[in-house]
Amino acid sequence: MDLMRYAEKTAADLAQHWERFRDEAVALPQTTFFTWWATQNYTGHWDMYPLVDRGEGPMPTDEDGRILGFAEKCPFTTDHLLAVQEVTAAAFSRVSPGSRIIPHSDVYDQPICRIHLGLVAGDGCTVWVDGTPHAHRPGETVVFDTRSLHSVENTGDRDRIILIVDIGDPAEA
């Protein structure tokens, strides 16, 4: 199975649990999200709450990839993510009203497909992938190759919260 089809299948499986993922995300104190460090890549406010990193990211993890100090507060979400061997990284992402993440692409050592699973979103929450708009809606997914040019905009009146999940090549896992 190719990477995109595998990521789409994984996205469909994860979407079945979106309400439980949402419940864990909205139960987190807002102060536990941290402002995304690459401030040159967005206007407004973009926060992240990291859960899983099976690469060599800067945050401490256990042997399974749970990000210490974060993942244990979201056990249902983290356990479901870790059950998928090809998940390389995952986080909750919150973009405030009036915010925009500029067009960019992410290139890694291996091909990565990214899943955006909508958890909290109103009208005006959009991700563009190679110029095509996709609305962020609760329970719905957008899957794309991270090498594609992508951007996000929240023109609505409430925070947009999604679960971002990066999927590596099943053949590499």
C-alpha atoms as a PDB file:
ATOM      1  CA  MET A   1       0.000   0.000   0.000  1.00  0.00           C
ATOM      2  CA  ASP A   2       1.377   3.418  -0.846  1.00  0.00           C
ATOM      3  CA  LEU A   3       1.937   6.031   1.844  1.00  0.00           C
ATOM      4  CA  MET A   4      -0.975   8.320   0.913  1.00  0.00           C
ATOM      5  CA  ARG A   5      -3.504   5.481   0.858  1.00  0.00           C
ATOM      6  CA  TYR A   6      -2.160   4.181   4.163  1.00  0.00           C
ATOM      7  CA  ALA A   7      -2.418   7.664   5.724  1.00  0.00           C
ATOM      8  CA  GLU A   8      -5.987   8.045   4.423  1.00  0.00           C
ATOM      9  CA  LYS A   9      -6.927   4.692   5.983  1.00  0.00           C
ATOM     10  CA  THR A  10      -5.298   5.725   9.266  1.00  0.00           C
ATOM     11  CA  ALA A  11      -7.152   9.055   9.133  1.00  0.00           C
ATOM     12  CA  ALA A  12     -10.482   7.257   8.714  1.00  0.00           C
ATOM     13  CA  ASP A  13      -9.676   4.996  11.677  1.00  0.00           C
ATOM     14  CA  LEU A  14      -8.689   7.946  13.881  1.00  0.00           C
ATOM     15  CA  ALA A  15     -11.769   9.956  12.846  1.00  0.00           C
ATOM     16  CA  GLN A  16     -13.966   7.329  14.494  1.00  0.00           C
ATOM     17  CA  HIS A  17     -12.676   8.594  17.859  1.00  0.00           C
ATOM     18  CA  TRP A  18     -12.633  12.340  17.173  1.00  0.00           C
ATOM     19  CA  GLU A  19     -15.055  13.198  19.974  1.00  0.00           C
ATOM     20  CA  ARG A  20     -12.885  11.492  22.616  1.00  0.00           C
ATOM     21  CA  PHE A  21      -9.790  13.214  21.211  1.00  0.00           C
ATOM     22  CA  ARG A  22     -11.658  16.546  21.294  1.00  0.00           C
ATOM     23  CA  ASP A  23     -12.755  15.977  24.887  1.00  0.00           C
ATOM     24  CA  GLU A  24      -9.138  15.466  25.981  1.00  0.00           C
ATOM     25  CA  ALA A  25      -7.952  18.512  24.018  1.00  0.00           C
ATOM     26  CA  VAL A  26     -10.569  20.932  25.367  1.00  0.00           C
ATOM     27  CA  ALA A  27     -10.095  19.658  28.944  1.00  0.00           C
ATOM     28  CA  LEU A  28      -6.461  20.841  28.896  1.00  0.00           C
ATOM     29  CA  PRO A  29      -5.812  24.174  30.594  1.00  0.00           C
ATOM     30  CA  GLN A  30      -5.143  26.753  27.882  1.00  0.00           C
ATOM     31  CA  THR A  31      -1.836  27.592  29.554  1.00  0.00           C
ATOM     32  CA  THR A  32      -0.511  24.071  28.864  1.00  0.00           C
ATOM     33  CA  PHE A  33      -0.416  24.748  25.111  1.00  0.00           C
ATOM     34  CA  PHE A  34       2.737  26.547  24.068  1.00  0.00           C
ATOM     35  CA  THR A  35       3.183  29.182  21.407  1.00  0.00           C
ATOM     36  CA  TRP A  36       4.672  27.695  18.260  1.00  0.00           C
ATOM     37  CA  TRP A  37       8.293  28.778  18.096  1.00  0.00           C
ATOM     38  CA  ALA A  38       8.564  29.601  14.365  1.00  0.00           C
ATOM     39  CA  THR A  39       6.841  32.978  14.688  1.00  0.00           C
ATOM     40  CA  GLN A  40       8.015  34.044  11.225  1.00  0.00           C
ATOM     41  CA  ASN A  41       5.628  31.427   9.777  1.00  0.00           C
ATOM     42  CA  TYR A  42       2.370  32.884  11.062  1.00  0.00           C
ATOM     43  CA  THR A  43       0.452  35.957  12.086  1.00  0.00           C
ATOM     44  CA  GLY A  44      -1.843  35.968  15.091  1.00  0.00           C
ATOM     45  CA  HIS A  45      -1.634  33.124  17.585  1.00  0.00           C
ATOM     46  CA  TRP A  46      -0.717  29.445  17.013  1.00  0.00           C
ATOM     47  CA  ASP A  47      -0.329  27.044  19.948  1.00  0.00           C
ATOM     48  CA  MET A  48       0.695  23.409  20.076  1.00  0.00           C
ATOM     49  CA  TYR A  49       0.263  20.637  22.618  1.00  0.00           C
ATOM     50  CA  PRO A  50       2.710  17.843  21.696  1.00  0.00           C
ATOM     51  CA  LEU A  51       1.805  14.211  22.328  1.00  0.00           C
ATOM     52  CA  VAL A  52       4.060  11.881  20.333  1.00  0.00           C
ATOM     53  CA  ASP A  53       7.513  12.154  18.777  1.00  0.00           C
ATOM     54  CA  ARG A  54       9.223   9.038  17.493  1.00  0.00           C
ATOM     55  CA  GLY A  55      11.991  11.018  15.828  1.00  0.00           C
ATOM     56  CA  GLU A  56      14.726  13.115  17.282  1.00  0.00           C
ATOM     57  CA  GLY A  57      12.728  16.152  18.344  1.00  0.00           C
ATOM     58  CA  PRO A  58      13.833  18.488  21.108  1.00  0.00           C
ATOM     59  CA  MET A  59      11.320  17.341  23.740  1.00  0.00           C
ATOM     60  CA  PRO A  60      12.009  14.433  26.109  1.00  0.00           C
ATOM     61  CA  THR A  61      10.117  11.227  25.337  1.00  0.00           C
ATOM     62  CA  ASP A  62       9.801   7.769  26.797  1.00  0.00           C
ATOM     63  CA  GLU A  63      10.916   4.702  24.823  1.00  0.00           C
ATOM     64  CA  ASP A  64       7.558   4.550  22.985  1.00  0.00           C
ATOM     65  CA  GLY A  65       7.615   8.200  21.886  1.00  0.00           C
ATOM     66  CA  ARG A  66       5.242   9.718  24.468  1.00  0.00           C
ATOM     67  CA  ILE A  67       6.289  13.306  25.097  1.00  0.00           C
ATOM     68  CA  LEU A  68       6.930  13.504  28.825  1.00  0.00           C
ATOM     69  CA  GLY A  69       4.853  15.991  30.759  1.00  0.00           C
ATOM     70  CA  PHE A  70       2.238  16.157  28.011  1.00  0.00           C
ATOM     71  CA  ALA A  71       1.134  12.737  26.736  1.00  0.00           C
ATOM     72  CA  GLU A  72       0.052  11.406  30.135  1.00  0.00           C
ATOM     73  CA  LYS A  73      -2.634  14.119  30.354  1.00  0.00           C
ATOM     74  CA  CYS A  74      -4.278  12.713  27.199  1.00  0.00           C
ATOM     75  CA  PRO A  75      -4.077   8.921  27.647  1.00  0.00           C
ATOM     76  CA  PHE A  76      -6.876   7.955  25.256  1.00  0.00           C
ATOM     77  CA  THR A  77      -5.480  10.038  22.398  1.00  0.00           C
ATOM     78  CA  THR A  78      -1.865   9.054  23.022  1.00  0.00           C
ATOM     79  CA  ASP A  79      -2.624   5.326  23.303  1.00  0.00           C
ATOM     80  CA  HIS A  80      -4.532   5.397  20.006  1.00  0.00           C
ATOM     81  CA  LEU A  81      -1.706   7.227  18.274  1.00  0.00           C
ATOM     82  CA  LEU A  82       0.969   4.871  19.610  1.00  0.00           C
ATOM     83  CA  ALA A  83      -1.040   1.865  18.429  1.00  0.00           C
ATOM     84  CA  VAL A  84      -0.192   2.967  14.876  1.00  0.00           C
ATOM     85  CA  GLN A  85       3.450   2.066  14.394  1.00  0.00           C
ATOM     86  CA  GLU A  86       3.826   4.507  11.479  1.00  0.00           C
ATOM     87  CA  VAL A  87       2.890   7.605  13.523  1.00  0.00           C
ATOM     88  CA  THR A  88       6.097   9.630  13.679  1.00  0.00           C
ATOM     89  CA  ALA A  89       4.712  12.695  15.491  1.00  0.00           C
ATOM     90  CA  ALA A  90       1.404  14.066  16.744  1.00  0.00           C
ATOM     91  CA  ALA A  91       0.089  17.142  18.540  1.00  0.00           C
ATOM     92  CA  PHE A  92      -3.010  19.181  19.166  1.00  0.00           C
ATOM     93  CA  SER A  93      -2.822  22.452  17.235  1.00  0.00           C
ATOM     94  CA  ARG A  94      -4.806  25.550  18.146  1.00  0.00           C
ATOM     95  CA  VAL A  95      -5.096  28.576  15.858  1.00  0.00           C
ATOM     96  CA  SER A  96      -6.902  31.627  17.221  1.00  0.00           C
ATOM     97  CA  PRO A  97      -9.415  33.736  15.276  1.00  0.00           C
ATOM     98  CA  GLY A  98      -7.751  36.161  12.895  1.00  0.00           C
ATOM     99  CA  SER A  99      -4.593  34.029  12.633  1.00  0.00           C
ATOM    100  CA  ARG A 100      -2.864  32.742   9.525  1.00  0.00           C
ATOM    101  CA  ILE A 101      -0.055  30.250   8.965  1.00  0.00           C
ATOM    102  CA  ILE A 102       1.777  31.279   5.790  1.00  0.00           C
ATOM    103  CA  PRO A 103       2.224  28.890   2.845  1.00  0.00           C
ATOM    104  CA  HIS A 104       5.099  26.513   3.509  1.00  0.00           C
ATOM    105  CA  SER A 105       6.196  22.934   2.969  1.00  0.00           C
ATOM    106  CA  ASP A 106       7.876  20.553   5.398  1.00  0.00           C
ATOM    107  CA  VAL A 107      10.636  18.279   4.125  1.00  0.00           C
ATOM    108  CA  TYR A 108      11.887  15.387   6.236  1.00  0.00           C
ATOM    109  CA  ASP A 109      14.410  12.575   5.780  1.00  0.00           C
ATOM    110  CA  GLN A 110      11.589  10.296   4.641  1.00  0.00           C
ATOM    111  CA  PRO A 111       8.251  11.015   2.950  1.00  0.00           C
ATOM    112  CA  ILE A 112       5.616  12.027   5.491  1.00  0.00           C
ATOM    113  CA  CYS A 113       1.864  12.343   5.079  1.00  0.00           C
ATOM    114  CA  ARG A 114       0.086  14.656   7.491  1.00  0.00           C
ATOM    115  CA  ILE A 115      -3.397  14.164   8.852  1.00  0.00           C
ATOM    116  CA  HIS A 116      -5.439  17.127  10.084  1.00  0.00           C
ATOM    117  CA  LEU A 117      -8.370  15.800  12.133  1.00  0.00           C
ATOM    118  CA  GLY A 118     -10.840  18.549  13.008  1.00  0.00           C
ATOM    119  CA  LEU A 119     -11.811  18.680  16.694  1.00  0.00           C
ATOM    120  CA  VAL A 120     -13.125  22.234  17.260  1.00  0.00           C
ATOM    121  CA  ALA A 121     -13.775  24.510  14.307  1.00  0.00           C
ATOM    122  CA  GLY A 122     -16.326  27.005  13.148  1.00  0.00           C
ATOM    123  CA  ASP A 123     -16.850  28.672   9.803  1.00  0.00           C
ATOM    124  CA  GLY A 124     -13.722  30.275   8.397  1.00  0.00           C
ATOM    125  CA  CYS A 125     -11.214  27.582   9.444  1.00  0.00           C
ATOM    126  CA  THR A 126      -9.425  26.504   6.286  1.00  0.00           C
ATOM    127  CA  VAL A 127      -6.296  24.651   5.280  1.00  0.00           C
ATOM    128  CA  TRP A 128      -5.020  25.170   1.741  1.00  0.00           C
ATOM    129  CA  VAL A 129      -3.001  22.396   0.125  1.00  0.00           C
ATOM    130  CA  ASP A 130      -1.360  23.265  -3.191  1.00  0.00           C
ATOM    131  CA  GLY A 131      -3.852  26.120  -3.560  1.00  0.00           C
ATOM    132  CA  THR A 132      -6.969  24.031  -2.892  1.00  0.00           C
ATOM    133  CA  PRO A 133      -9.037  25.034   0.163  1.00  0.00           C
ATOM    134  CA  HIS A 134     -10.282  22.398   2.619  1.00  0.00           C
ATOM    135  CA  ALA A 135     -12.553  23.411   5.496  1.00  0.00           C
ATOM    136  CA  HIS A 136     -11.557  22.210   8.944  1.00  0.00           C
ATOM    137  CA  ARG A 137     -14.684  20.627  10.400  1.00  0.00           C
ATOM    138  CA  PRO A 138     -15.106  18.566  13.574  1.00  0.00           C
ATOM    139  CA  GLY A 139     -14.705  14.860  12.827  1.00  0.00           C
ATOM    140  CA  GLU A 140     -13.397  15.404   9.290  1.00  0.00           C
ATOM    141  CA  THR A 141      -9.878  14.841   8.003  1.00  0.00           C
ATOM    142  CA  VAL A 142      -7.559  16.383   5.463  1.00  0.00           C
ATOM    143  CA  VAL A 143      -4.566  14.263   4.423  1.00  0.00           C
ATOM    144  CA  PHE A 144      -1.623  15.601   2.432  1.00  0.00           C
ATOM    145  CA  ASP A 145       2.061  15.096   1.677  1.00  0.00           C
ATOM    146  CA  THR A 146       4.054  17.492   3.871  1.00  0.00           C
ATOM    147  CA  ARG A 147       6.147  18.446   0.839  1.00  0.00           C
ATOM    148  CA  SER A 148       3.021  20.080  -0.634  1.00  0.00           C
ATOM    149  CA  LEU A 149       2.644  23.810  -0.162  1.00  0.00           C
ATOM    150  CA  HIS A 150       0.118  24.270   2.660  1.00  0.00           C
ATOM    151  CA  SER A 151      -1.236  27.075   4.834  1.00  0.00           C
ATOM    152  CA  VAL A 152      -3.976  27.674   7.398  1.00  0.00           C
ATOM    153  CA  GLU A 153      -6.329  30.551   8.077  1.00  0.00           C
ATOM    154  CA  ASN A 154      -8.902  31.100  10.810  1.00  0.00           C
ATOM    155  CA  THR A 155     -11.238  33.930   9.836  1.00  0.00           C
ATOM    156  CA  GLY A 156     -13.902  32.674  12.235  1.00  0.00           C
ATOM    157  CA  ASP A 157     -14.797  33.776  15.730  1.00  0.00           C
ATOM    158  CA  ARG A 158     -13.522  30.819  17.761  1.00  0.00           C
ATOM    159  CA  ASP A 159     -10.308  28.830  18.196  1.00  0.00           C
ATOM    160  CA  ARG A 160      -9.667  26.056  15.731  1.00  0.00           C
ATOM    161  CA  ILE A 161      -8.277  22.901  17.368  1.00  0.00           C
ATOM    162  CA  ILE A 162      -7.148  19.927  15.324  1.00  0.00           C
ATOM    163  CA  LEU A 163      -5.137  16.787  15.920  1.00  0.00           C
ATOM    164  CA  ILE A 164      -2.093  16.784  13.645  1.00  0.00           C
ATOM    165  CA  VAL A 165      -0.668  13.331  12.958  1.00  0.00           C
ATOM    166  CA  ASP A 166       2.401  12.626  10.821  1.00  0.00           C
ATOM    167  CA  ILE A 167       2.550   9.215   9.163  1.00  0.00           C
ATOM    168  CA  GLY A 168       5.788   7.701   7.878  1.00  0.00           C
ATOM    169  CA  ASP A 169       6.202   5.035   5.251  1.00  0.00           C
ATOM    170  CA  PRO A 170       4.719   1.698   6.443  1.00  0.00           C
ATOM    171  CA  ALA A 171       7.637  -0.066   4.749  1.00  0.00           C
ATOM    172  CA  GLU A 172      10.063   1.867   6.973  1.00  0.00           C
ATOM    173  CA  ALA A 173       8.273   1.082  10.272  1.00  0.00           C
END
